[in-house]
Amino acid sequence: MADNNSRAGVRYTTPAILEWLHRTHTTHDAALAAAFDAPAQHGMPAIQVGPAEGRLLELLVRLVKATRVVEVGTLAGYSTIRLGRGMAGGGRLWSCELEEHNANVARENIARAGFADRIEVRVGPALKTLPELAAHGPFDVVFVDADKGSYDVYGRWAAEHLRAGGLLIGDNAFFFGQLLDDTPEAAAMRRFHEEAARVMDTVCIPTPDGMLLGIKR
């Protein structure tokens, strides 16, 4: 159940509750811990998805029995490993990362997690690498967690290259509280929402910064 306060945005979590939930549902093994901690150790911004969001990605991928997955935004590979763990046997994942340094760190973490033969990290602007991946489609899942001003373009690519019943997942769907601002980036994020809703069955999951989930019709 919910109440009017929670429907209006009030959250009943506390640091103690979140810590208990993490211990119960989303604890890290060595491979996940290494990938999660890597940004702080390698001079990257610590902007990876949280443990709960990572576990959600893993379970969503598992639910659709995904064998072909695309990720836009690798960072140190934490979400990549989560997505990989959800894939069905023989699955393949292609992850797009802008920075060579980040990609190298991610590859080390991916290899440590046992996915070196199933996950490929492509380096360069995703607007260039995504067209190169199209031949591997149609895809079961596309996960977007990259530059917010291009989300609308990434969403259109996903809508074209997902199979029917495939999932579009977009992190930071609240755009750090700036979703309704009058900026080009906020406008792009709103288009991401609106265009996905026109061609998919969608919902925005109220994670800390929102996660759009769409099922292609």
N, C-alpha and C. Protein backbone atom coordinates (compact mmCIF):
# COMPACT_ATOMS: atom_id res chain seq x y z
N MET A 1 0.84 -1.18 0.00
CA MET A 1 0.00 0.00 0.00
C MET A 1 0.88 1.24 0.00
N ALA A 2 0.26 2.36 -0.32
CA ALA A 2 0.93 3.66 -0.25
C ALA A 2 0.00 4.62 0.47
N ASP A 3 0.45 5.85 0.67
CA ASP A 3 -0.41 6.88 1.22
C ASP A 3 -0.18 8.15 0.44
N ASN A 4 -0.92 9.18 0.76
CA ASN A 4 -0.81 10.42 -0.01
C ASN A 4 0.58 11.02 0.07
N ASN A 5 1.24 10.89 1.22
CA ASN A 5 2.58 11.44 1.35
C ASN A 5 3.57 10.73 0.43
N SER A 6 3.54 9.40 0.44
CA SER A 6 4.49 8.66 -0.39
C SER A 6 4.18 8.86 -1.87
N ARG A 7 2.88 8.97 -2.21
CA ARG A 7 2.54 9.24 -3.61
C ARG A 7 3.02 10.62 -4.06
N ALA A 8 3.14 11.53 -3.11
CA ALA A 8 3.60 12.89 -3.43
C ALA A 8 5.12 13.01 -3.41
N GLY A 9 5.82 11.94 -3.07
CA GLY A 9 7.27 11.96 -3.15
C GLY A 9 8.01 11.74 -1.85
N VAL A 10 7.30 11.69 -0.72
CA VAL A 10 7.97 11.43 0.55
C VAL A 10 8.49 9.99 0.55
N ARG A 11 9.72 9.82 1.02
CA ARG A 11 10.31 8.48 1.10
C ARG A 11 10.56 8.12 2.56
N TYR A 12 10.29 6.87 2.90
CA TYR A 12 10.38 6.43 4.28
C TYR A 12 11.67 5.67 4.57
N THR A 13 12.63 5.75 3.67
CA THR A 13 13.91 5.09 3.91
C THR A 13 14.78 5.94 4.83
N THR A 14 15.66 5.27 5.54
CA THR A 14 16.69 5.90 6.36
C THR A 14 18.01 5.21 6.04
N PRO A 15 19.14 5.81 6.40
CA PRO A 15 20.41 5.11 6.18
C PRO A 15 20.44 3.73 6.81
N ALA A 16 19.85 3.59 7.98
CA ALA A 16 19.85 2.28 8.65
C ALA A 16 19.01 1.27 7.87
N ILE A 17 17.86 1.70 7.38
CA ILE A 17 17.01 0.80 6.58
C ILE A 17 17.72 0.40 5.30
N LEU A 18 18.33 1.38 4.63
CA LEU A 18 19.02 1.07 3.39
C LEU A 18 20.18 0.09 3.61
N GLU A 19 20.90 0.26 4.70
CA GLU A 19 22.00 -0.66 5.00
C GLU A 19 21.48 -2.06 5.27
N TRP A 20 20.38 -2.18 6.02
CA TRP A 20 19.80 -3.49 6.29
C TRP A 20 19.33 -4.15 4.99
N LEU A 21 18.68 -3.37 4.13
CA LEU A 21 18.22 -3.91 2.86
C LEU A 21 19.38 -4.36 1.99
N HIS A 22 20.47 -3.61 2.01
CA HIS A 22 21.64 -4.00 1.24
C HIS A 22 22.20 -5.33 1.74
N ARG A 23 22.31 -5.47 3.05
CA ARG A 23 22.81 -6.74 3.61
C ARG A 23 21.89 -7.90 3.26
N THR A 24 20.61 -7.64 3.17
CA THR A 24 19.63 -8.69 2.92
C THR A 24 19.55 -9.09 1.45
N HIS A 25 19.63 -8.11 0.55
CA HIS A 25 19.30 -8.37 -0.85
C HIS A 25 20.44 -8.17 -1.85
N THR A 26 21.43 -7.33 -1.55
CA THR A 26 22.32 -6.88 -2.62
C THR A 26 23.80 -6.89 -2.23
N THR A 27 24.19 -7.77 -1.33
CA THR A 27 25.60 -7.81 -0.94
C THR A 27 26.48 -8.16 -2.14
N HIS A 28 27.71 -7.71 -2.09
CA HIS A 28 28.66 -7.89 -3.17
C HIS A 28 29.61 -9.05 -2.91
N ASP A 29 29.85 -9.86 -3.93
CA ASP A 29 30.98 -10.77 -3.86
C ASP A 29 32.23 -10.01 -4.29
N ALA A 30 33.35 -10.70 -4.40
CA ALA A 30 34.61 -10.02 -4.66
C ALA A 30 34.61 -9.31 -6.01
N ALA A 31 34.04 -9.92 -7.03
CA ALA A 31 34.05 -9.31 -8.36
C ALA A 31 33.19 -8.06 -8.41
N LEU A 32 32.03 -8.11 -7.80
CA LEU A 32 31.17 -6.93 -7.77
C LEU A 32 31.79 -5.83 -6.92
N ALA A 33 32.37 -6.18 -5.80
CA ALA A 33 32.99 -5.18 -4.93
C ALA A 33 34.13 -4.48 -5.66
N ALA A 34 34.93 -5.24 -6.39
CA ALA A 34 36.06 -4.64 -7.12
C ALA A 34 35.56 -3.64 -8.16
N ALA A 35 34.51 -4.00 -8.88
CA ALA A 35 33.97 -3.10 -9.90
C ALA A 35 33.29 -1.89 -9.28
N PHE A 36 32.59 -2.10 -8.18
CA PHE A 36 31.90 -0.99 -7.54
C PHE A 36 32.88 0.02 -6.94
N ASP A 37 33.97 -0.47 -6.39
CA ASP A 37 34.96 0.39 -5.75
C ASP A 37 35.96 0.99 -6.73
N ALA A 38 35.98 0.49 -7.96
CA ALA A 38 37.01 0.90 -8.92
C ALA A 38 37.01 2.38 -9.24
N PRO A 39 35.87 3.05 -9.41
CA PRO A 39 35.94 4.48 -9.76
C PRO A 39 36.77 5.30 -8.77
N ALA A 40 36.55 5.08 -7.49
CA ALA A 40 37.29 5.84 -6.48
C ALA A 40 38.78 5.52 -6.52
N GLN A 41 39.12 4.32 -6.95
CA GLN A 41 40.52 3.90 -6.95
C GLN A 41 41.26 4.25 -8.24
N HIS A 42 40.51 4.64 -9.27
CA HIS A 42 41.12 4.88 -10.58
C HIS A 42 40.82 6.27 -11.12
N GLY A 43 40.48 7.19 -10.25
CA GLY A 43 40.29 8.56 -10.68
C GLY A 43 39.07 8.82 -11.52
N MET A 44 38.04 8.00 -11.36
CA MET A 44 36.79 8.19 -12.09
C MET A 44 35.74 8.78 -11.16
N PRO A 45 34.75 9.45 -11.70
CA PRO A 45 33.63 9.85 -10.85
C PRO A 45 32.84 8.63 -10.39
N ALA A 46 32.45 8.61 -9.13
CA ALA A 46 31.74 7.45 -8.58
C ALA A 46 30.25 7.58 -8.89
N ILE A 47 29.91 7.44 -10.17
CA ILE A 47 28.53 7.67 -10.63
C ILE A 47 27.87 6.38 -11.10
N GLN A 48 28.43 5.23 -10.74
CA GLN A 48 27.82 3.96 -11.12
C GLN A 48 26.47 3.78 -10.43
N VAL A 49 25.64 2.90 -10.97
CA VAL A 49 24.37 2.61 -10.32
C VAL A 49 24.63 2.05 -8.93
N GLY A 50 23.66 2.22 -8.05
CA GLY A 50 23.78 1.66 -6.71
C GLY A 50 23.55 0.17 -6.70
N PRO A 51 23.85 -0.50 -5.57
CA PRO A 51 23.67 -1.95 -5.50
C PRO A 51 22.25 -2.41 -5.79
N ALA A 52 21.24 -1.67 -5.29
CA ALA A 52 19.87 -2.08 -5.54
C ALA A 52 19.51 -1.95 -7.01
N GLU A 53 19.94 -0.83 -7.63
CA GLU A 53 19.65 -0.65 -9.05
C GLU A 53 20.40 -1.69 -9.89
N GLY A 54 21.62 -2.02 -9.49
CA GLY A 54 22.37 -3.04 -10.20
C GLY A 54 21.68 -4.40 -10.12
N ARG A 55 21.20 -4.74 -8.93
CA ARG A 55 20.49 -6.00 -8.78
C ARG A 55 19.20 -6.01 -9.59
N LEU A 56 18.51 -4.86 -9.64
CA LEU A 56 17.31 -4.76 -10.45
C LEU A 56 17.62 -5.01 -11.92
N LEU A 57 18.71 -4.44 -12.43
CA LEU A 57 19.10 -4.70 -13.80
C LEU A 57 19.31 -6.19 -14.04
N GLU A 58 20.02 -6.81 -13.14
CA GLU A 58 20.31 -8.24 -13.27
C GLU A 58 19.02 -9.05 -13.36
N LEU A 59 18.07 -8.74 -12.49
CA LEU A 59 16.82 -9.51 -12.46
C LEU A 59 15.96 -9.24 -13.68
N LEU A 60 15.93 -7.99 -14.16
CA LEU A 60 15.15 -7.68 -15.36
C LEU A 60 15.71 -8.43 -16.57
N VAL A 61 17.02 -8.45 -16.71
CA VAL A 61 17.64 -9.18 -17.81
C VAL A 61 17.32 -10.66 -17.72
N ARG A 62 17.34 -11.19 -16.50
CA ARG A 62 17.02 -12.60 -16.31
C ARG A 62 15.56 -12.90 -16.66
N LEU A 63 14.67 -11.99 -16.31
CA LEU A 63 13.25 -12.20 -16.56
C LEU A 63 12.93 -12.37 -18.04
N VAL A 64 13.62 -11.63 -18.90
CA VAL A 64 13.34 -11.72 -20.33
C VAL A 64 14.25 -12.72 -21.04
N LYS A 65 15.05 -13.46 -20.24
CA LYS A 65 15.94 -14.49 -20.79
C LYS A 65 16.83 -13.90 -21.91
N ALA A 66 17.41 -12.76 -21.61
CA ALA A 66 18.16 -12.02 -22.62
C ALA A 66 19.44 -12.74 -23.04
N THR A 67 19.70 -12.72 -24.34
CA THR A 67 20.96 -13.24 -24.88
C THR A 67 21.72 -12.18 -25.67
N ARG A 68 21.08 -11.05 -25.95
CA ARG A 68 21.75 -9.96 -26.67
C ARG A 68 21.43 -8.65 -25.96
N VAL A 69 22.45 -8.05 -25.38
CA VAL A 69 22.26 -6.88 -24.53
C VAL A 69 23.24 -5.79 -24.98
N VAL A 70 22.75 -4.55 -24.98
CA VAL A 70 23.59 -3.39 -25.25
C VAL A 70 23.53 -2.46 -24.05
N GLU A 71 24.69 -1.96 -23.64
CA GLU A 71 24.77 -0.97 -22.58
C GLU A 71 25.43 0.29 -23.14
N VAL A 72 24.86 1.45 -22.83
CA VAL A 72 25.44 2.72 -23.24
C VAL A 72 25.96 3.40 -21.97
N GLY A 73 27.28 3.37 -21.78
CA GLY A 73 27.89 3.92 -20.58
C GLY A 73 28.43 2.83 -19.68
N THR A 74 29.72 2.52 -19.80
CA THR A 74 30.32 1.40 -19.08
C THR A 74 30.88 1.80 -17.73
N LEU A 75 31.56 2.95 -17.67
CA LEU A 75 32.34 3.39 -16.53
C LEU A 75 33.32 2.28 -16.14
N ALA A 76 33.25 1.75 -14.91
CA ALA A 76 34.20 0.72 -14.48
C ALA A 76 33.64 -0.69 -14.61
N GLY A 77 32.45 -0.83 -15.18
CA GLY A 77 31.93 -2.16 -15.47
C GLY A 77 31.01 -2.76 -14.43
N TYR A 78 30.62 -2.00 -13.40
CA TYR A 78 29.76 -2.58 -12.37
C TYR A 78 28.40 -2.97 -12.94
N SER A 79 27.71 -2.03 -13.59
CA SER A 79 26.42 -2.37 -14.17
C SER A 79 26.57 -3.39 -15.29
N THR A 80 27.70 -3.35 -15.98
CA THR A 80 27.97 -4.31 -17.05
C THR A 80 27.98 -5.73 -16.50
N ILE A 81 28.64 -5.92 -15.39
CA ILE A 81 28.70 -7.25 -14.77
C ILE A 81 27.32 -7.68 -14.28
N ARG A 82 26.58 -6.74 -13.71
CA ARG A 82 25.22 -7.07 -13.28
C ARG A 82 24.37 -7.52 -14.46
N LEU A 83 24.45 -6.80 -15.58
CA LEU A 83 23.71 -7.19 -16.77
C LEU A 83 24.17 -8.56 -17.27
N GLY A 84 25.49 -8.77 -17.26
CA GLY A 84 26.03 -10.05 -17.71
C GLY A 84 25.55 -11.21 -16.87
N ARG A 85 25.44 -10.99 -15.57
CA ARG A 85 24.98 -12.08 -14.69
C ARG A 85 23.53 -12.43 -14.92
N GLY A 86 22.77 -11.50 -15.47
CA GLY A 86 21.38 -11.80 -15.76
C GLY A 86 21.16 -12.51 -17.08
N MET A 87 22.16 -12.48 -17.97
CA MET A 87 21.98 -13.06 -19.30
C MET A 87 21.83 -14.57 -19.25
N ALA A 88 21.08 -15.08 -20.22
CA ALA A 88 20.96 -16.52 -20.38
C ALA A 88 22.28 -17.08 -20.92
N GLY A 89 22.44 -18.39 -20.81
CA GLY A 89 23.65 -19.05 -21.28
C GLY A 89 23.93 -18.73 -22.74
N GLY A 90 25.19 -18.44 -23.04
CA GLY A 90 25.58 -18.12 -24.40
C GLY A 90 25.29 -16.69 -24.81
N GLY A 91 24.81 -15.87 -23.88
CA GLY A 91 24.48 -14.49 -24.21
C GLY A 91 25.70 -13.65 -24.49
N ARG A 92 25.46 -12.52 -25.19
CA ARG A 92 26.52 -11.57 -25.52
C ARG A 92 26.08 -10.17 -25.12
N LEU A 93 27.03 -9.39 -24.65
CA LEU A 93 26.77 -8.02 -24.24
C LEU A 93 27.80 -7.10 -24.87
N TRP A 94 27.32 -6.00 -25.45
CA TRP A 94 28.19 -4.98 -26.01
C TRP A 94 27.98 -3.70 -25.20
N SER A 95 29.07 -3.14 -24.67
CA SER A 95 28.98 -1.94 -23.85
C SER A 95 29.78 -0.82 -24.50
N CYS A 96 29.18 0.37 -24.56
CA CYS A 96 29.79 1.53 -25.21
C CYS A 96 30.35 2.47 -24.15
N GLU A 97 31.62 2.80 -24.25
CA GLU A 97 32.27 3.69 -23.29
C GLU A 97 33.08 4.74 -24.03
N LEU A 98 32.93 5.99 -23.63
CA LEU A 98 33.62 7.08 -24.30
C LEU A 98 35.11 7.10 -24.02
N GLU A 99 35.49 6.85 -22.76
CA GLU A 99 36.87 7.05 -22.32
C GLU A 99 37.67 5.74 -22.33
N GLU A 100 38.84 5.78 -22.98
CA GLU A 100 39.70 4.60 -23.05
C GLU A 100 40.14 4.14 -21.66
N HIS A 101 40.46 5.07 -20.77
CA HIS A 101 40.88 4.71 -19.41
C HIS A 101 39.78 3.94 -18.70
N ASN A 102 38.56 4.43 -18.76
CA ASN A 102 37.45 3.74 -18.13
C ASN A 102 37.26 2.35 -18.73
N ALA A 103 37.36 2.27 -20.05
CA ALA A 103 37.17 0.98 -20.72
C ALA A 103 38.21 -0.04 -20.28
N ASN A 104 39.46 0.39 -20.12
CA ASN A 104 40.50 -0.55 -19.69
C ASN A 104 40.24 -1.06 -18.28
N VAL A 105 39.83 -0.16 -17.38
CA VAL A 105 39.49 -0.59 -16.02
C VAL A 105 38.31 -1.55 -16.06
N ALA A 106 37.30 -1.22 -16.86
CA ALA A 106 36.12 -2.07 -16.97
C ALA A 106 36.49 -3.45 -17.49
N ARG A 107 37.35 -3.51 -18.48
CA ARG A 107 37.74 -4.82 -19.04
C ARG A 107 38.40 -5.69 -17.98
N GLU A 108 39.23 -5.08 -17.13
CA GLU A 108 39.85 -5.85 -16.05
C GLU A 108 38.78 -6.40 -15.10
N ASN A 109 37.82 -5.57 -14.75
CA ASN A 109 36.76 -6.02 -13.84
C ASN A 109 35.87 -7.08 -14.49
N ILE A 110 35.59 -6.90 -15.76
CA ILE A 110 34.76 -7.87 -16.48
C ILE A 110 35.47 -9.22 -16.56
N ALA A 111 36.78 -9.19 -16.83
CA ALA A 111 37.55 -10.44 -16.87
C ALA A 111 37.57 -11.10 -15.50
N ARG A 112 37.73 -10.31 -14.43
CA ARG A 112 37.73 -10.85 -13.08
C ARG A 112 36.40 -11.54 -12.77
N ALA A 113 35.32 -11.01 -13.32
CA ALA A 113 34.00 -11.58 -13.08
C ALA A 113 33.71 -12.78 -13.98
N GLY A 114 34.62 -13.12 -14.89
CA GLY A 114 34.45 -14.30 -15.73
C GLY A 114 33.69 -14.08 -17.02
N PHE A 115 33.63 -12.82 -17.49
CA PHE A 115 32.83 -12.52 -18.68
C PHE A 115 33.66 -12.03 -19.86
N ALA A 116 34.97 -12.21 -19.83
CA ALA A 116 35.81 -11.67 -20.89
C ALA A 116 35.42 -12.18 -22.27
N ASP A 117 34.89 -13.41 -22.34
CA ASP A 117 34.53 -13.99 -23.63
C ASP A 117 33.10 -13.67 -24.06
N ARG A 118 32.35 -12.97 -23.19
CA ARG A 118 30.93 -12.72 -23.52
C ARG A 118 30.58 -11.24 -23.54
N ILE A 119 31.46 -10.41 -23.02
CA ILE A 119 31.20 -8.97 -22.95
C ILE A 119 32.30 -8.22 -23.69
N GLU A 120 31.91 -7.35 -24.61
CA GLU A 120 32.85 -6.54 -25.37
C GLU A 120 32.61 -5.07 -25.05
N VAL A 121 33.68 -4.35 -24.72
CA VAL A 121 33.59 -2.92 -24.47
C VAL A 121 34.10 -2.19 -25.71
N ARG A 122 33.24 -1.38 -26.31
CA ARG A 122 33.59 -0.57 -27.47
C ARG A 122 33.91 0.86 -27.01
N VAL A 123 35.01 1.41 -27.48
CA VAL A 123 35.44 2.74 -27.06
C VAL A 123 35.11 3.77 -28.14
N GLY A 124 34.57 4.89 -27.71
CA GLY A 124 34.26 5.98 -28.61
C GLY A 124 32.89 6.54 -28.30
N PRO A 125 32.51 7.63 -28.95
CA PRO A 125 31.16 8.18 -28.73
C PRO A 125 30.10 7.15 -29.10
N ALA A 126 29.13 6.97 -28.23
CA ALA A 126 28.09 5.98 -28.49
C ALA A 126 27.31 6.29 -29.76
N LEU A 127 27.22 7.57 -30.12
CA LEU A 127 26.52 7.92 -31.35
C LEU A 127 27.22 7.34 -32.57
N LYS A 128 28.51 7.00 -32.43
CA LYS A 128 29.25 6.34 -33.50
C LYS A 128 29.24 4.83 -33.35
N THR A 129 29.40 4.33 -32.13
CA THR A 129 29.53 2.88 -31.95
C THR A 129 28.19 2.15 -32.04
N LEU A 130 27.09 2.81 -31.65
CA LEU A 130 25.80 2.12 -31.72
C LEU A 130 25.45 1.69 -33.14
N PRO A 131 25.62 2.53 -34.16
CA PRO A 131 25.33 2.04 -35.51
C PRO A 131 26.17 0.83 -35.91
N GLU A 132 27.38 0.74 -35.37
CA GLU A 132 28.23 -0.41 -35.68
C GLU A 132 27.70 -1.68 -35.05
N LEU A 133 26.92 -1.55 -33.98
CA LEU A 133 26.37 -2.73 -33.29
C LEU A 133 25.07 -3.22 -33.89
N ALA A 134 24.44 -2.41 -34.72
CA ALA A 134 23.09 -2.73 -35.20
C ALA A 134 23.02 -4.10 -35.87
N ALA A 135 24.09 -4.50 -36.54
CA ALA A 135 24.08 -5.78 -37.25
C ALA A 135 23.94 -6.97 -36.31
N HIS A 136 24.24 -6.78 -35.02
CA HIS A 136 24.12 -7.87 -34.05
C HIS A 136 22.70 -8.02 -33.51
N GLY A 137 21.82 -7.09 -33.84
CA GLY A 137 20.47 -7.11 -33.31
C GLY A 137 19.56 -8.08 -34.06
N PRO A 138 18.30 -8.12 -33.70
CA PRO A 138 17.66 -7.29 -32.67
C PRO A 138 18.09 -7.71 -31.26
N PHE A 139 17.96 -6.76 -30.34
CA PHE A 139 18.46 -6.96 -28.99
C PHE A 139 17.31 -7.20 -28.02
N ASP A 140 17.65 -7.87 -26.92
CA ASP A 140 16.66 -8.16 -25.88
C ASP A 140 16.58 -7.03 -24.86
N VAL A 141 17.70 -6.37 -24.60
CA VAL A 141 17.76 -5.30 -23.59
C VAL A 141 18.72 -4.23 -24.07
N VAL A 142 18.33 -2.97 -23.91
CA VAL A 142 19.24 -1.84 -24.07
C VAL A 142 19.18 -1.03 -22.78
N PHE A 143 20.34 -0.87 -22.13
CA PHE A 143 20.44 -0.09 -20.89
C PHE A 143 21.22 1.17 -21.16
N VAL A 144 20.65 2.32 -20.82
CA VAL A 144 21.25 3.62 -21.09
C VAL A 144 21.62 4.29 -19.77
N ASP A 145 22.90 4.64 -19.62
CA ASP A 145 23.38 5.38 -18.45
C ASP A 145 24.62 6.17 -18.88
N ALA A 146 24.39 7.19 -19.70
CA ALA A 146 25.49 7.93 -20.30
C ALA A 146 25.16 9.41 -20.31
N ASP A 147 25.69 10.16 -21.27
CA ASP A 147 25.47 11.61 -21.33
C ASP A 147 23.98 11.90 -21.52
N LYS A 148 23.45 12.70 -20.61
CA LYS A 148 21.99 12.87 -20.53
C LYS A 148 21.43 13.64 -21.73
N GLY A 149 22.24 14.50 -22.33
CA GLY A 149 21.76 15.27 -23.46
C GLY A 149 21.54 14.47 -24.72
N SER A 150 21.98 13.21 -24.73
CA SER A 150 21.79 12.33 -25.90
C SER A 150 20.80 11.20 -25.63
N TYR A 151 20.13 11.22 -24.49
CA TYR A 151 19.22 10.13 -24.16
C TYR A 151 18.14 9.96 -25.21
N ASP A 152 17.65 11.06 -25.78
CA ASP A 152 16.59 10.91 -26.77
C ASP A 152 17.10 10.14 -27.99
N VAL A 153 18.34 10.40 -28.40
CA VAL A 153 18.91 9.68 -29.54
C VAL A 153 19.10 8.21 -29.20
N TYR A 154 19.60 7.94 -28.01
CA TYR A 154 19.78 6.55 -27.59
C TYR A 154 18.45 5.82 -27.52
N GLY A 155 17.42 6.50 -27.04
CA GLY A 155 16.11 5.88 -26.96
C GLY A 155 15.56 5.53 -28.33
N ARG A 156 15.77 6.41 -29.31
CA ARG A 156 15.30 6.12 -30.67
C ARG A 156 16.03 4.91 -31.24
N TRP A 157 17.35 4.85 -31.00
CA TRP A 157 18.11 3.69 -31.48
C TRP A 157 17.57 2.41 -30.85
N ALA A 158 17.32 2.46 -29.56
CA ALA A 158 16.79 1.27 -28.88
C ALA A 158 15.44 0.87 -29.45
N ALA A 159 14.56 1.84 -29.67
CA ALA A 159 13.23 1.53 -30.19
C ALA A 159 13.32 0.85 -31.56
N GLU A 160 14.33 1.22 -32.34
CA GLU A 160 14.48 0.62 -33.67
C GLU A 160 15.09 -0.77 -33.61
N HIS A 161 15.98 -1.01 -32.64
CA HIS A 161 16.77 -2.24 -32.68
C HIS A 161 16.43 -3.25 -31.59
N LEU A 162 15.49 -2.95 -30.72
CA LEU A 162 14.98 -3.95 -29.78
C LEU A 162 14.00 -4.88 -30.48
N ARG A 163 13.97 -6.11 -30.03
CA ARG A 163 12.93 -7.02 -30.50
C ARG A 163 11.61 -6.67 -29.84
N ALA A 164 10.51 -7.15 -30.39
CA ALA A 164 9.23 -7.00 -29.71
C ALA A 164 9.31 -7.71 -28.37
N GLY A 165 8.91 -7.04 -27.31
CA GLY A 165 9.04 -7.59 -25.96
C GLY A 165 10.36 -7.28 -25.30
N GLY A 166 11.28 -6.66 -26.04
CA GLY A 166 12.58 -6.29 -25.46
C GLY A 166 12.45 -5.09 -24.55
N LEU A 167 13.47 -4.90 -23.70
CA LEU A 167 13.43 -3.87 -22.66
C LEU A 167 14.35 -2.70 -22.99
N LEU A 168 13.84 -1.50 -22.81
CA LEU A 168 14.64 -0.28 -22.74
C LEU A 168 14.69 0.13 -21.28
N ILE A 169 15.89 0.32 -20.74
CA ILE A 169 16.07 0.75 -19.36
C ILE A 169 16.96 1.98 -19.37
N GLY A 170 16.50 3.05 -18.72
CA GLY A 170 17.28 4.29 -18.69
C GLY A 170 17.45 4.79 -17.27
N ASP A 171 18.70 4.90 -16.82
CA ASP A 171 18.96 5.41 -15.48
C ASP A 171 18.94 6.93 -15.48
N ASN A 172 18.85 7.51 -14.28
CA ASN A 172 18.81 8.98 -14.10
C ASN A 172 17.63 9.61 -14.82
N ALA A 173 16.51 8.91 -14.81
CA ALA A 173 15.34 9.39 -15.52
C ALA A 173 14.71 10.62 -14.87
N PHE A 174 15.03 10.91 -13.61
CA PHE A 174 14.61 12.17 -12.98
C PHE A 174 15.56 13.31 -13.31
N PHE A 175 16.71 12.99 -13.93
CA PHE A 175 17.74 13.95 -14.32
C PHE A 175 18.14 14.82 -13.13
N PHE A 176 18.41 14.16 -12.02
CA PHE A 176 18.92 14.83 -10.82
C PHE A 176 18.01 15.97 -10.36
N GLY A 177 16.71 15.78 -10.54
CA GLY A 177 15.75 16.81 -10.15
C GLY A 177 15.59 17.93 -11.15
N GLN A 178 16.25 17.82 -12.30
CA GLN A 178 16.21 18.90 -13.30
C GLN A 178 15.34 18.55 -14.51
N LEU A 179 14.53 17.50 -14.41
CA LEU A 179 13.80 17.01 -15.57
C LEU A 179 12.92 18.07 -16.22
N LEU A 180 12.33 18.95 -15.44
CA LEU A 180 11.41 19.94 -15.99
C LEU A 180 12.07 21.30 -16.22
N ASP A 181 13.39 21.37 -16.09
CA ASP A 181 14.10 22.63 -16.30
C ASP A 181 14.08 23.02 -17.78
N ASP A 182 14.34 24.28 -18.03
CA ASP A 182 14.38 24.81 -19.39
C ASP A 182 15.82 24.80 -19.90
N THR A 183 16.35 23.60 -20.13
CA THR A 183 17.69 23.43 -20.67
C THR A 183 17.65 22.41 -21.79
N PRO A 184 18.63 22.45 -22.71
CA PRO A 184 18.64 21.44 -23.78
C PRO A 184 18.73 20.01 -23.25
N GLU A 185 19.51 19.80 -22.18
CA GLU A 185 19.66 18.44 -21.64
C GLU A 185 18.35 17.95 -21.04
N ALA A 186 17.67 18.80 -20.29
CA ALA A 186 16.38 18.40 -19.72
C ALA A 186 15.37 18.12 -20.82
N ALA A 187 15.37 18.93 -21.87
CA ALA A 187 14.45 18.71 -22.98
C ALA A 187 14.73 17.37 -23.65
N ALA A 188 16.01 17.01 -23.79
CA ALA A 188 16.36 15.72 -24.38
C ALA A 188 15.87 14.58 -23.50
N MET A 189 15.99 14.72 -22.18
CA MET A 189 15.52 13.68 -21.28
C MET A 189 13.99 13.56 -21.33
N ARG A 190 13.29 14.68 -21.44
CA ARG A 190 11.83 14.60 -21.57
C ARG A 190 11.44 13.90 -22.87
N ARG A 191 12.16 14.19 -23.96
CA ARG A 191 11.88 13.49 -25.21
C ARG A 191 12.12 11.99 -25.06
N PHE A 192 13.16 11.63 -24.33
CA PHE A 192 13.43 10.21 -24.06
C PHE A 192 12.21 9.55 -23.43
N HIS A 193 11.65 10.19 -22.41
CA HIS A 193 10.43 9.68 -21.77
C HIS A 193 9.27 9.62 -22.76
N GLU A 194 9.00 10.72 -23.41
CA GLU A 194 7.79 10.85 -24.24
C GLU A 194 7.83 9.94 -25.46
N GLU A 195 8.98 9.86 -26.12
CA GLU A 195 9.08 9.02 -27.30
C GLU A 195 9.02 7.54 -26.94
N ALA A 196 9.64 7.17 -25.81
CA ALA A 196 9.53 5.78 -25.36
C ALA A 196 8.08 5.42 -25.07
N ALA A 197 7.35 6.33 -24.43
CA ALA A 197 5.96 6.05 -24.08
C ALA A 197 5.07 5.88 -25.30
N ARG A 198 5.47 6.47 -26.43
CA ARG A 198 4.65 6.35 -27.63
C ARG A 198 4.79 4.99 -28.30
N VAL A 199 5.93 4.33 -28.15
CA VAL A 199 6.15 3.07 -28.87
C VAL A 199 6.34 1.88 -27.95
N MET A 200 6.31 2.12 -26.64
CA MET A 200 6.51 1.05 -25.67
C MET A 200 5.50 1.17 -24.55
N ASP A 201 5.37 0.11 -23.78
CA ASP A 201 4.64 0.16 -22.51
C ASP A 201 5.67 0.54 -21.46
N THR A 202 5.46 1.67 -20.79
CA THR A 202 6.52 2.26 -19.99
C THR A 202 6.06 2.59 -18.57
N VAL A 203 7.05 2.70 -17.70
CA VAL A 203 6.86 3.21 -16.34
C VAL A 203 8.19 3.80 -15.90
N CYS A 204 8.16 4.79 -15.02
CA CYS A 204 9.38 5.30 -14.42
C CYS A 204 9.43 4.81 -12.98
N ILE A 205 10.38 3.93 -12.71
CA ILE A 205 10.52 3.34 -11.38
C ILE A 205 11.17 4.36 -10.46
N PRO A 206 10.60 4.64 -9.28
CA PRO A 206 11.14 5.69 -8.41
C PRO A 206 12.35 5.24 -7.60
N THR A 207 13.41 4.87 -8.32
CA THR A 207 14.70 4.67 -7.68
C THR A 207 15.23 6.03 -7.26
N PRO A 208 16.38 6.12 -6.59
CA PRO A 208 16.85 7.45 -6.14
C PRO A 208 16.86 8.52 -7.22
N ASP A 209 17.27 8.19 -8.46
CA ASP A 209 17.18 9.19 -9.52
C ASP A 209 16.32 8.72 -10.68
N GLY A 210 15.43 7.77 -10.42
CA GLY A 210 14.47 7.34 -11.44
C GLY A 210 15.10 6.41 -12.46
N MET A 211 14.35 5.37 -12.84
CA MET A 211 14.80 4.44 -13.87
C MET A 211 13.62 4.14 -14.78
N LEU A 212 13.73 4.60 -16.03
CA LEU A 212 12.66 4.31 -16.99
C LEU A 212 12.75 2.87 -17.45
N LEU A 213 11.61 2.20 -17.51
CA LEU A 213 11.51 0.85 -18.01
C LEU A 213 10.47 0.83 -19.11
N GLY A 214 10.85 0.37 -20.28
CA GLY A 214 9.92 0.24 -21.41
C GLY A 214 9.99 -1.14 -22.01
N ILE A 215 8.83 -1.66 -22.40
CA ILE A 215 8.74 -2.93 -23.12
C ILE A 215 8.27 -2.61 -24.53
N LYS A 216 9.06 -2.96 -25.52
CA LYS A 216 8.71 -2.65 -26.90
C LYS A 216 7.47 -3.42 -27.33
N ARG A 217 6.54 -2.70 -27.92
CA ARG A 217 5.31 -3.36 -28.38
C ARG A 217 5.58 -4.13 -29.66
